[in-house]
Amino acid sequence: MDNKDNYAIEMLHITKMFPGIIANDDITLRVKYGEIHALLGENGAGKSTLMSCLFGLYKPEAGEIRLDGQKVDIKTPKVANDLGIGMVHQHFMQIKNFTVLENIILGVESTKNGVLDMASAREKVVALGKQYGLNIDPDAKVSDITVGMQQRVEILKMLYRNCKILIFDEPTAVLTPQEIDDLMEIMKNLKKEGKAILFITHKLDEIKAVADNCTVLRLGKYIGTVPVANTTVEALSEMMVGRKIDFHVQKAPQKLGEVALELKNVTLTDEFNKEKKVLNNVSFAVHRGEILCVAGIEGNGQSELVKVINGLMKQESGEIYLNGKDISHAPIRERLTDGMTYVPEDRHKHGLILDNTLEENLALRKYFLPEYQHKGFIDFKMRAKLADDLIQRFDIRSSEGRKTVARSMSGGNQQKAIVGREIDADHDVLVAIQPTRGLDVGAIEYIHKNLVEERDEGKAVLLVSYDLEEVMNVSDRIIVFHAGEIVADVKPEEVTVNELGLYMAGSKRGV
């Protein structure tokens, strides 16, 4: 392996611009072999842009990149791969109906007498898996394996290409706690083998767990690089957002009101396995002035629960009541106009029309109302006024204000736009599933503050979260889902995180 005294990568005075915004403003970053170097910053701070310059997806307007002390021109991802730079993207680059092995070798296939040499490829992949603790079935279809296993495929793709500089872009955003622990161990093994690892994240506890050094960006500018062992989570968060962050959610004493949302014996069968109940006789109520949190390991029926509540899926049996009205078979818009708002799990698929402007997206809940129309046409002045108001109230940052295309905005600001739009709509019940996934501590604090304000204003909040810290911090009451059933109904002050984990795993029942 290369001399550990040399820098593996030097990114010197990098500047990258997009229309109306300087995404990277004179940033310098240096990483050694045998080092895990965290890159920390709010959504939109410029982290992914900087790494995209290193991986050949973008060409910077100024600055230079050095590999092992030599200046390099990385024009494409293929050039980056050829130089030994690999990247695990936040959204995996895989062909679902290919096997693990086929995905790993795609683009660098070896042949023997004009035929694909799968035997030697398999041998190399299995050996790499054993060497780095990445054991995986090479013949499994990607569509049949877990998200954590798909991530292992991405890491093996880099190792198969002999990459020595590895970029992880928000690698834990879609993983369970156990998978996160496994990934941390894998990263430590890669470090021991002398790899240089760049780790983009928002999660301060993960930086403390594995990183040697941390570089902080804010609003496209370089703030500083600090040794992780000598700094605190509080100091890192202040560097990241420019102010102190309150990690404890502040809540006034609860004022419980009437039932706003109620489910009675709701049942839903799995679409592909008719013997399996995705939702099995689910009954619960959410009161005004309450944040009811649905906890559980992802894939235990929570997504289907929310879709049944908002009308995206139809339950087979059971009833749903909104403010006492039976909405079990009501269309989606009727549920929304009757007082329900919804922050979806996937902001790209279900929260925004990505190629439309921020203004158009902010008006999705109101454009059809009489006050936003004029003689049967959309009143564009009223729509613009609504957008400007929400942008100011919810601090939605973008390069071109309401005219910004939603796709070009950072994840945190996309989420602020959705939350702002849903809170602004006339409602009694807010249903939110994973509203803080992939967000930085500043944005998380902001979303939590809004959820608590909703509760304090007498709204009912149904929050679905896979983050136990969030569940314990934000909720007034917790119901735990396992295999489509409610296995516990507890208050956060009456339960420990370990007990919640036992409920979530199905090894303990409380109801």
Protein backbone atom coordinates (compact mmCIF):
# COMPACT_ATOMS: atom_id res chain seq x y z
CA MET A 1 0.00 0.00 0.00
CA ASP A 2 1.06 3.58 -0.53
CA ASN A 3 3.21 5.53 1.91
CA LYS A 4 0.97 6.54 4.78
CA ASP A 5 2.81 9.88 5.16
CA ASN A 6 1.57 10.99 1.74
CA TYR A 7 -1.82 12.47 1.12
CA ALA A 8 -3.97 10.11 -0.93
CA ILE A 9 -6.14 12.96 -2.15
CA GLU A 10 -5.71 16.73 -2.09
CA MET A 11 -8.53 18.94 -3.31
CA LEU A 12 -7.03 22.43 -3.41
CA HIS A 13 -9.11 25.65 -3.62
CA ILE A 14 -12.04 23.94 -5.38
CA THR A 15 -14.79 26.26 -6.64
CA LYS A 16 -17.94 24.92 -8.31
CA MET A 17 -20.81 27.12 -9.47
CA PHE A 18 -24.38 26.53 -10.63
CA PRO A 19 -26.85 29.17 -11.89
CA GLY A 20 -27.41 31.62 -9.05
CA ILE A 21 -25.29 29.76 -6.47
CA ILE A 22 -21.67 29.00 -5.54
CA ALA A 23 -21.95 25.40 -4.33
CA ASN A 24 -18.24 25.11 -3.41
CA ASP A 25 -16.37 28.33 -2.60
CA ASP A 26 -12.56 27.88 -2.47
CA ILE A 27 -12.59 24.58 -0.53
CA THR A 28 -9.44 22.65 0.38
CA LEU A 29 -9.56 19.05 1.63
CA ARG A 30 -6.70 16.60 2.28
CA VAL A 31 -7.05 12.89 3.14
CA LYS A 32 -4.37 10.30 3.96
CA TYR A 33 -4.31 6.55 3.40
CA GLY A 34 -5.48 4.58 6.44
CA GLU A 35 -7.77 7.45 7.46
CA ILE A 36 -11.53 7.81 7.75
CA HIS A 37 -12.21 11.47 7.00
CA ALA A 38 -15.75 12.71 7.65
CA LEU A 39 -17.29 15.50 5.58
CA LEU A 40 -19.96 17.23 7.63
CA GLY A 41 -22.44 19.96 6.74
CA GLU A 42 -26.09 20.92 6.54
CA ASN A 43 -28.21 19.91 3.55
CA GLY A 44 -27.05 22.18 0.74
CA ALA A 45 -23.65 22.89 2.34
CA GLY A 46 -21.86 21.54 -0.76
CA LYS A 47 -20.63 18.13 0.47
CA SER A 48 -22.05 15.98 -2.34
CA THR A 49 -21.04 18.58 -4.94
CA LEU A 50 -17.43 18.48 -3.70
CA MET A 51 -17.38 14.67 -3.83
CA SER A 52 -19.00 14.73 -7.28
CA CYS A 53 -16.04 16.87 -8.44
CA LEU A 54 -13.66 14.24 -7.04
CA PHE A 55 -15.60 11.40 -8.72
CA GLY A 56 -15.76 13.11 -12.14
CA LEU A 57 -19.49 13.88 -12.17
CA TYR A 58 -18.80 17.65 -12.13
CA LYS A 59 -15.87 19.73 -13.37
CA PRO A 60 -14.90 22.54 -10.98
CA GLU A 61 -14.49 26.10 -12.29
CA ALA A 62 -11.30 26.60 -10.24
CA GLY A 63 -8.84 24.62 -8.15
CA GLU A 64 -6.97 21.37 -8.66
CA ILE A 65 -7.08 17.76 -7.50
CA ARG A 66 -3.93 15.82 -6.63
CA LEU A 67 -3.69 12.04 -6.30
CA ASP A 68 -0.56 10.78 -4.48
CA GLY A 69 0.92 14.25 -4.94
CA GLN A 70 0.35 14.33 -8.71
CA LYS A 71 -2.17 16.67 -10.36
CA VAL A 72 -4.98 14.75 -12.11
CA ASP A 73 -7.83 15.75 -14.43
CA ILE A 74 -10.89 13.68 -13.50
CA LYS A 75 -13.29 14.22 -16.41
CA THR A 76 -15.63 11.25 -15.88
CA PRO A 77 -16.46 8.59 -13.27
CA LYS A 78 -14.60 6.06 -15.46
CA VAL A 79 -11.43 8.15 -15.16
CA ALA A 80 -12.02 8.28 -11.37
CA ASN A 81 -12.38 4.46 -11.25
CA ASP A 82 -9.24 4.02 -13.36
CA LEU A 83 -7.37 6.22 -10.86
CA GLY A 84 -8.62 4.07 -7.97
CA ILE A 85 -11.44 6.34 -6.73
CA GLY A 86 -14.81 4.70 -6.00
CA MET A 87 -18.10 6.07 -4.70
CA VAL A 88 -21.07 4.53 -2.90
CA HIS A 89 -23.95 6.83 -3.82
CA GLN A 90 -26.84 7.57 -1.46
CA HIS A 91 -29.23 6.00 -4.00
CA PHE A 92 -27.60 2.76 -5.12
CA MET A 93 -26.63 2.28 -8.76
CA GLN A 94 -27.81 -1.30 -9.33
CA ILE A 95 -29.84 -3.31 -11.85
CA LYS A 96 -32.48 -5.02 -9.74
CA ASN A 97 -33.02 -8.13 -11.88
CA PHE A 98 -29.27 -8.86 -12.15
CA THR A 99 -27.49 -11.03 -9.60
CA VAL A 100 -25.05 -9.63 -7.06
CA LEU A 101 -22.13 -10.97 -9.10
CA GLU A 102 -23.44 -9.50 -12.37
CA ASN A 103 -23.87 -6.07 -10.73
CA ILE A 104 -20.36 -6.13 -9.26
CA ILE A 105 -18.55 -6.95 -12.53
CA LEU A 106 -20.75 -4.82 -14.81
CA GLY A 107 -18.49 -2.66 -16.99
CA VAL A 108 -15.26 -4.46 -16.06
CA GLU A 109 -16.12 -7.98 -17.23
CA SER A 110 -13.24 -10.39 -17.92
CA THR A 111 -13.48 -12.89 -20.77
CA LYS A 112 -11.88 -16.19 -21.66
CA ASN A 113 -11.85 -17.23 -25.33
CA GLY A 114 -14.50 -14.59 -26.07
CA VAL A 115 -16.84 -15.78 -23.31
CA LEU A 116 -17.55 -14.12 -19.94
CA ASP A 117 -15.26 -15.65 -17.33
CA MET A 118 -17.78 -15.80 -14.46
CA ALA A 119 -15.86 -18.47 -12.52
CA SER A 120 -12.77 -16.32 -11.86
CA ALA A 121 -15.00 -13.26 -11.21
CA ARG A 122 -16.96 -15.24 -8.60
CA GLU A 123 -13.71 -16.42 -7.01
CA LYS A 124 -12.42 -12.86 -6.70
CA VAL A 125 -15.74 -11.52 -5.30
CA VAL A 126 -15.97 -14.30 -2.68
CA ALA A 127 -12.33 -13.71 -1.67
CA LEU A 128 -12.91 -9.95 -1.34
CA GLY A 129 -16.03 -10.61 0.74
CA LYS A 130 -14.07 -12.79 3.15
CA GLN A 131 -11.14 -10.35 3.34
CA TYR A 132 -13.29 -7.35 4.27
CA GLY A 133 -16.13 -9.03 6.19
CA LEU A 134 -18.60 -8.42 3.34
CA ASN A 135 -20.07 -11.90 3.05
CA ILE A 136 -22.88 -12.00 0.51
CA ASP A 137 -24.46 -14.56 -1.84
CA PRO A 138 -23.07 -13.78 -5.33
CA ASP A 139 -26.00 -15.59 -7.01
CA ALA A 140 -28.80 -13.73 -5.19
CA LYS A 141 -30.86 -11.30 -7.25
CA VAL A 142 -30.46 -7.71 -6.06
CA SER A 143 -34.27 -7.38 -5.95
CA ASP A 144 -34.36 -10.14 -3.28
CA ILE A 145 -31.76 -8.79 -0.83
CA THR A 146 -32.01 -6.20 1.95
CA VAL A 147 -30.91 -2.57 1.62
CA GLY A 148 -27.94 -3.33 3.88
CA MET A 149 -26.86 -6.15 1.56
CA GLN A 150 -27.31 -3.89 -1.49
CA GLN A 151 -24.87 -1.48 0.14
CA ARG A 152 -22.35 -4.30 0.52
CA VAL A 153 -22.71 -4.87 -3.24
CA GLU A 154 -21.76 -1.20 -3.82
CA ILE A 155 -18.69 -1.55 -1.59
CA LEU A 156 -17.64 -4.77 -3.35
CA LYS A 157 -18.01 -3.00 -6.71
CA MET A 158 -15.36 -0.50 -5.58
CA LEU A 159 -13.03 -3.18 -4.18
CA TYR A 160 -13.41 -5.34 -7.32
CA ARG A 161 -12.13 -2.33 -9.30
CA ASN A 162 -9.12 -2.06 -6.96
CA CYS A 163 -10.21 1.34 -5.62
CA LYS A 164 -7.97 2.72 -2.87
CA ILE A 165 -9.94 5.92 -2.23
CA LEU A 166 -13.53 5.20 -1.19
CA ILE A 167 -16.30 7.81 -0.98
CA PHE A 168 -19.41 6.99 1.09
CA ASP A 169 -22.27 9.46 0.44
CA GLU A 170 -24.76 9.37 3.35
CA PRO A 171 -24.30 5.58 3.65
CA THR A 172 -26.49 5.06 6.73
CA ALA A 173 -29.58 7.03 5.62
CA VAL A 174 -31.55 3.88 4.71
CA LEU A 175 -30.08 1.32 7.14
CA THR A 176 -31.42 -0.27 10.32
CA PRO A 177 -29.41 0.22 13.57
CA GLN A 178 -27.89 -3.29 13.22
CA GLU A 179 -26.89 -2.63 9.60
CA ILE A 180 -25.30 0.68 10.65
CA ASP A 181 -23.18 -1.15 13.25
CA ASP A 182 -22.12 -3.66 10.57
CA LEU A 183 -21.17 -0.84 8.18
CA MET A 184 -19.06 0.88 10.86
CA GLU A 185 -17.11 -2.37 11.31
CA ILE A 186 -16.66 -2.72 7.55
CA MET A 187 -15.30 0.85 7.33
CA LYS A 188 -12.83 0.13 10.15
CA ASN A 189 -11.65 -3.00 8.28
CA LEU A 190 -11.15 -0.97 5.10
CA LYS A 191 -9.15 1.59 7.07
CA LYS A 192 -6.93 -1.18 8.50
CA GLU A 193 -6.21 -2.30 4.93
CA GLY A 194 -4.86 1.20 4.21
CA LYS A 195 -7.78 2.60 2.21
CA ALA A 196 -8.49 6.34 2.30
CA ILE A 197 -12.16 6.79 3.19
CA LEU A 198 -14.28 9.92 2.73
CA PHE A 199 -17.49 9.68 4.74
CA ILE A 200 -20.28 12.19 3.99
CA THR A 201 -22.80 12.29 6.81
CA HIS A 202 -25.10 14.41 8.97
CA LYS A 203 -24.93 12.04 11.91
CA LEU A 204 -22.56 13.27 14.59
CA ASP A 205 -22.57 10.06 16.66
CA GLU A 206 -21.38 8.10 13.61
CA ILE A 207 -18.52 10.56 13.08
CA LYS A 208 -17.49 10.09 16.71
CA ALA A 209 -17.71 6.30 16.28
CA VAL A 210 -15.45 5.85 13.24
CA ALA A 211 -13.85 9.05 11.87
CA ASP A 212 -10.28 10.21 12.53
CA ASN A 213 -10.73 13.74 11.20
CA CYS A 214 -13.74 15.83 10.20
CA THR A 215 -13.97 18.68 7.70
CA VAL A 216 -16.97 20.96 8.10
CA LEU A 217 -18.65 22.92 5.28
CA ARG A 218 -21.32 25.58 5.70
CA LEU A 219 -23.19 27.32 2.86
CA GLY A 220 -20.54 26.20 0.36
CA LYS A 221 -17.59 27.48 2.40
CA TYR A 222 -14.82 25.66 4.29
CA ILE A 223 -15.24 26.14 8.07
CA GLY A 224 -12.44 23.94 9.40
CA THR A 225 -10.93 20.48 9.89
CA VAL A 226 -10.72 19.00 13.39
CA PRO A 227 -9.42 15.73 14.90
CA VAL A 228 -12.54 13.88 16.01
CA ALA A 229 -11.03 12.45 19.22
CA ASN A 230 -10.41 15.98 20.54
CA THR A 231 -13.81 17.50 19.79
CA THR A 232 -17.39 17.12 21.00
CA VAL A 233 -20.70 16.50 19.24
CA GLU A 234 -21.84 19.94 20.43
CA ALA A 235 -18.77 21.66 18.95
CA LEU A 236 -19.21 19.85 15.61
CA SER A 237 -22.90 20.80 15.43
CA GLU A 238 -22.09 24.45 16.14
CA MET A 239 -19.43 24.45 13.39
CA MET A 240 -21.98 22.92 11.02
CA VAL A 241 -24.93 25.28 11.55
CA GLY A 242 -23.25 28.36 13.04
CA ARG A 243 -25.21 28.28 16.29
CA LYS A 244 -25.83 26.05 19.30
CA ILE A 245 -28.24 23.15 18.70
CA ASP A 246 -30.69 21.96 21.34
CA PHE A 247 -30.52 18.15 21.13
CA HIS A 248 -33.39 17.78 23.60
CA VAL A 249 -36.89 18.45 22.20
CA GLN A 250 -38.57 21.09 24.36
CA LYS A 251 -42.23 20.26 25.06
CA ALA A 252 -44.81 21.96 27.27
CA PRO A 253 -47.07 19.73 29.43
CA GLN A 254 -49.57 17.88 27.24
CA LYS A 255 -53.18 19.07 26.91
CA LEU A 256 -55.01 16.02 25.58
CA GLY A 257 -58.14 16.70 23.55
CA GLU A 258 -60.75 14.66 21.69
CA VAL A 259 -59.98 11.80 19.31
CA ALA A 260 -59.14 13.20 15.85
CA LEU A 261 -58.07 10.03 14.00
CA GLU A 262 -59.19 6.49 14.81
CA LEU A 263 -58.60 3.08 13.23
CA LYS A 264 -60.80 0.10 14.09
CA ASN A 265 -59.74 -3.47 13.17
CA VAL A 266 -57.94 -2.45 9.96
CA THR A 267 -56.65 -5.46 8.01
CA LEU A 268 -54.64 -5.68 4.77
CA THR A 269 -53.29 -8.82 3.05
CA ASP A 270 -49.92 -8.92 1.33
CA GLU A 271 -50.31 -8.40 -2.42
CA PHE A 272 -47.90 -11.24 -3.28
CA ASN A 273 -48.45 -13.61 -0.37
CA LYS A 274 -52.16 -14.05 0.35
CA GLU A 275 -51.41 -15.94 3.58
CA LYS A 276 -49.57 -12.98 5.11
CA LYS A 277 -51.30 -10.03 6.79
CA VAL A 278 -49.42 -6.76 6.24
CA LEU A 279 -51.83 -5.13 8.71
CA ASN A 280 -53.50 -7.51 11.15
CA ASN A 281 -56.55 -6.16 12.98
CA VAL A 282 -54.95 -2.78 13.77
CA SER A 283 -56.85 -0.47 16.15
CA PHE A 284 -55.68 2.77 17.77
CA ALA A 285 -56.70 6.42 18.21
CA VAL A 286 -54.76 9.70 18.01
CA HIS A 287 -56.03 12.59 20.14
CA ARG A 288 -55.78 16.31 19.56
CA GLY A 289 -52.78 17.69 21.44
CA GLU A 290 -50.88 14.40 21.09
CA ILE A 291 -47.86 13.16 19.16
CA LEU A 292 -48.42 9.42 18.74
CA CYS A 293 -45.30 7.71 17.42
CA VAL A 294 -45.37 4.42 15.50
CA ALA A 295 -42.06 2.64 16.17
CA GLY A 296 -40.72 -0.55 14.61
CA ILE A 297 -38.12 -2.00 12.28
CA GLU A 298 -38.71 -0.89 8.70
CA GLY A 299 -40.88 -3.27 6.68
CA ASN A 300 -43.29 -4.32 9.42
CA GLY A 301 -46.36 -2.66 7.91
CA GLN A 302 -45.76 1.00 8.79
CA SER A 303 -45.63 2.23 5.17
CA GLU A 304 -48.83 0.34 4.34
CA LEU A 305 -50.50 1.72 7.47
CA VAL A 306 -49.88 5.30 6.35
CA LYS A 307 -51.00 4.55 2.77
CA VAL A 308 -54.25 3.05 4.05
CA ILE A 309 -54.86 6.10 6.27
CA ASN A 310 -54.33 8.59 3.45
CA GLY A 311 -56.17 6.55 0.81
CA LEU A 312 -53.23 5.44 -1.36
CA MET A 313 -54.10 1.81 -0.50
CA LYS A 314 -57.48 0.24 0.35
CA GLN A 315 -57.85 -1.87 3.48
CA GLU A 316 -59.78 -5.14 3.17
CA SER A 317 -61.69 -4.65 6.38
CA GLY A 318 -61.96 -2.24 9.26
CA GLU A 319 -62.85 1.45 9.50
CA ILE A 320 -60.97 4.76 9.61
CA TYR A 321 -62.54 7.82 11.24
CA LEU A 322 -61.39 11.44 10.84
CA ASN A 323 -63.02 13.77 13.40
CA GLY A 324 -65.72 11.11 13.85
CA LYS A 325 -66.49 10.86 10.11
CA ASP A 326 -66.03 7.47 8.44
CA ILE A 327 -63.44 8.01 5.66
CA SER A 328 -62.71 4.31 5.10
CA HIS A 329 -63.64 4.54 1.41
CA ALA A 330 -63.25 8.28 0.82
CA PRO A 331 -61.02 9.44 -2.07
CA ILE A 332 -57.64 10.98 -1.26
CA ARG A 333 -58.60 14.61 -1.88
CA GLU A 334 -61.67 14.30 0.34
CA ARG A 335 -59.49 13.06 3.20
CA LEU A 336 -57.16 16.02 2.69
CA THR A 337 -59.92 18.64 2.49
CA ASP A 338 -61.63 17.06 5.52
CA GLY A 339 -58.61 17.88 7.68
CA MET A 340 -55.69 15.49 7.08
CA THR A 341 -52.21 16.46 5.91
CA TYR A 342 -49.43 14.09 4.97
CA VAL A 343 -45.61 14.26 4.93
CA PRO A 344 -44.59 11.22 2.83
CA GLU A 345 -41.72 8.79 3.38
CA ASP A 346 -40.10 9.43 -0.01
CA ARG A 347 -39.95 13.14 -0.74
CA HIS A 348 -38.90 12.53 -4.35
CA LYS A 349 -41.55 9.96 -5.29
CA HIS A 350 -44.55 11.21 -3.33
CA GLY A 351 -43.73 14.63 -1.88
CA LEU A 352 -42.70 16.76 -4.84
CA ILE A 353 -43.02 17.06 -8.61
CA LEU A 354 -39.28 17.35 -9.08
CA ASP A 355 -39.24 19.04 -12.48
CA ASN A 356 -41.76 21.70 -11.43
CA THR A 357 -40.86 24.93 -9.68
CA LEU A 358 -40.87 25.44 -5.93
CA GLU A 359 -43.88 27.76 -6.40
CA GLU A 360 -45.88 25.06 -8.20
CA ASN A 361 -45.00 22.48 -5.53
CA LEU A 362 -45.94 24.78 -2.66
CA ALA A 363 -49.37 25.34 -4.21
CA LEU A 364 -50.27 21.65 -4.62
CA ARG A 365 -52.55 21.64 -1.57
CA LYS A 366 -54.36 24.88 -2.48
CA TYR A 367 -54.38 25.62 -6.24
CA PHE A 368 -57.88 24.10 -6.65
CA LEU A 369 -59.47 26.20 -3.88
CA PRO A 370 -61.74 29.11 -4.98
CA GLU A 371 -59.42 31.82 -3.58
CA TYR A 372 -56.59 30.62 -5.84
CA GLN A 373 -58.69 30.77 -9.01
CA HIS A 374 -59.94 33.56 -11.25
CA LYS A 375 -62.69 32.77 -13.75
CA GLY A 376 -61.75 29.10 -13.81
CA PHE A 377 -58.01 29.72 -14.22
CA ILE A 378 -55.23 29.64 -11.62
CA ASP A 379 -54.65 33.06 -10.04
CA PHE A 380 -50.88 33.27 -10.51
CA LYS A 381 -50.50 36.37 -8.32
CA MET A 382 -52.13 34.56 -5.39
CA ARG A 383 -49.99 31.47 -6.04
CA ALA A 384 -46.80 33.55 -6.07
CA LYS A 385 -47.85 35.29 -2.84
CA LEU A 386 -48.49 31.91 -1.17
CA ALA A 387 -45.07 30.62 -2.26
CA ASP A 388 -43.20 33.73 -1.06
CA ASP A 389 -45.01 33.55 2.28
CA LEU A 390 -44.15 29.87 2.85
CA ILE A 391 -40.51 30.39 1.73
CA GLN A 392 -40.13 33.12 4.36
CA ARG A 393 -42.07 31.36 7.16
CA PHE A 394 -40.29 28.03 6.79
CA ASP A 395 -36.85 29.36 5.79
CA ILE A 396 -36.79 27.41 2.49
CA ARG A 397 -33.45 28.19 0.82
CA SER A 398 -32.87 27.87 -2.91
CA SER A 399 -30.88 29.53 -5.68
CA GLU A 400 -33.78 31.26 -7.47
CA GLY A 401 -36.53 31.57 -4.85
CA ARG A 402 -39.99 30.36 -5.91
CA LYS A 403 -38.78 29.91 -9.51
CA THR A 404 -36.23 27.26 -8.46
CA VAL A 405 -36.79 23.80 -9.95
CA ALA A 406 -37.48 21.46 -7.01
CA ARG A 407 -35.01 18.83 -8.25
CA SER A 408 -32.07 21.24 -7.87
CA MET A 409 -32.76 21.95 -4.18
CA SER A 410 -30.97 20.23 -1.29
CA GLY A 411 -32.78 17.40 0.50
CA GLY A 412 -33.28 19.47 3.65
CA ASN A 413 -34.88 22.35 1.79
CA GLN A 414 -37.06 19.98 -0.23
CA GLN A 415 -38.27 18.56 3.10
CA LYS A 416 -38.88 22.04 4.55
CA ALA A 417 -41.01 22.83 1.48
CA ILE A 418 -43.16 19.71 2.01
CA VAL A 419 -43.54 20.26 5.76
CA GLY A 420 -44.36 23.94 5.24
CA ARG A 421 -46.95 23.17 2.56
CA GLU A 422 -48.66 20.50 4.71
CA ILE A 423 -48.67 22.55 7.93
CA ASP A 424 -50.04 25.58 6.07
CA ALA A 425 -53.00 23.58 4.73
CA ASP A 426 -56.16 23.64 6.86
CA HIS A 427 -55.98 20.47 8.98
CA ASP A 428 -56.68 18.69 12.27
CA VAL A 429 -54.40 15.67 11.76
CA LEU A 430 -50.80 15.62 10.52
CA VAL A 431 -49.50 12.21 9.38
CA ALA A 432 -45.72 12.14 8.91
CA ILE A 433 -43.55 9.14 8.01
CA GLN A 434 -39.78 9.50 8.43
CA PRO A 435 -39.90 13.33 8.15
CA THR A 436 -36.25 13.74 9.25
CA ARG A 437 -34.60 10.89 7.31
CA GLY A 438 -31.35 12.06 5.75
CA LEU A 439 -31.51 15.53 7.32
CA ASP A 440 -28.82 17.37 9.29
CA VAL A 441 -29.16 18.27 12.97
CA GLY A 442 -30.30 21.83 12.22
CA ALA A 443 -33.09 20.66 9.90
CA ILE A 444 -34.06 17.87 12.35
CA GLU A 445 -34.34 20.39 15.19
CA TYR A 446 -36.51 22.58 12.94
CA ILE A 447 -38.88 19.73 11.92
CA HIS A 448 -39.23 18.54 15.54
CA LYS A 449 -40.04 22.11 16.65
CA ASN A 450 -42.81 22.27 14.03
CA LEU A 451 -44.27 18.90 15.11
CA VAL A 452 -44.37 20.07 18.74
CA GLU A 453 -46.00 23.37 17.71
CA GLU A 454 -48.67 21.37 15.87
CA ARG A 455 -49.35 19.37 19.03
CA ASP A 456 -49.42 22.50 21.21
CA GLU A 457 -51.95 24.11 18.84
CA GLY A 458 -54.32 21.19 19.46
CA LYS A 459 -53.59 19.21 16.29
CA ALA A 460 -53.21 15.42 16.31
CA VAL A 461 -49.81 14.21 15.06
CA LEU A 462 -49.19 10.63 13.89
CA LEU A 463 -45.43 10.21 13.45
CA VAL A 464 -43.91 7.05 11.95
CA SER A 465 -40.18 6.82 12.65
CA TYR A 466 -37.48 4.13 12.53
CA ASP A 467 -35.10 6.29 14.61
CA LEU A 468 -35.39 5.24 18.27
CA GLU A 469 -33.79 8.45 19.53
CA GLU A 470 -36.43 10.47 17.67
CA VAL A 471 -39.22 8.18 18.93
CA MET A 472 -38.16 8.63 22.57
CA ASN A 473 -37.50 12.37 22.21
CA VAL A 474 -40.59 13.58 20.34
CA SER A 475 -43.51 11.29 21.25
CA ASP A 476 -46.17 11.60 23.95
CA ARG A 477 -47.16 7.96 23.37
CA ILE A 478 -45.58 5.10 21.41
CA ILE A 479 -47.17 2.13 19.65
CA VAL A 480 -44.76 -0.52 18.42
CA PHE A 481 -45.38 -2.45 15.19
CA HIS A 482 -44.10 -5.95 14.53
CA ALA A 483 -45.24 -8.12 11.59
CA GLY A 484 -48.25 -5.86 10.94
CA GLU A 485 -49.52 -5.92 14.53
CA ILE A 486 -49.38 -3.54 17.46
CA VAL A 487 -47.26 -5.33 20.08
CA ALA A 488 -46.94 -2.47 22.60
CA ASP A 489 -48.66 0.78 23.57
CA VAL A 490 -46.41 2.70 25.99
CA LYS A 491 -45.36 6.16 27.16
CA PRO A 492 -41.71 7.15 26.48
CA GLU A 493 -41.04 7.85 30.17
CA GLU A 494 -42.20 4.33 31.07
CA VAL A 495 -39.98 2.38 28.66
CA THR A 496 -36.26 2.06 27.86
CA VAL A 497 -34.67 1.95 24.41
CA ASN A 498 -33.68 -1.68 25.09
CA GLU A 499 -37.29 -2.62 25.87
CA LEU A 500 -38.46 -0.91 22.69
CA GLY A 501 -35.85 -2.92 20.78
CA LEU A 502 -37.26 -6.17 22.22
CA TYR A 503 -40.81 -5.18 21.20
CA MET A 504 -39.58 -4.23 17.70
CA ALA A 505 -37.80 -7.59 17.29
CA GLY A 506 -40.96 -9.47 18.31
CA SER A 507 -39.36 -11.02 21.42
CA LYS A 508 -41.65 -9.17 23.82
CA ARG A 509 -45.32 -8.15 23.76
CA GLY A 510 -47.04 -5.51 25.82
CA VAL A 511 -50.61 -5.76 24.50
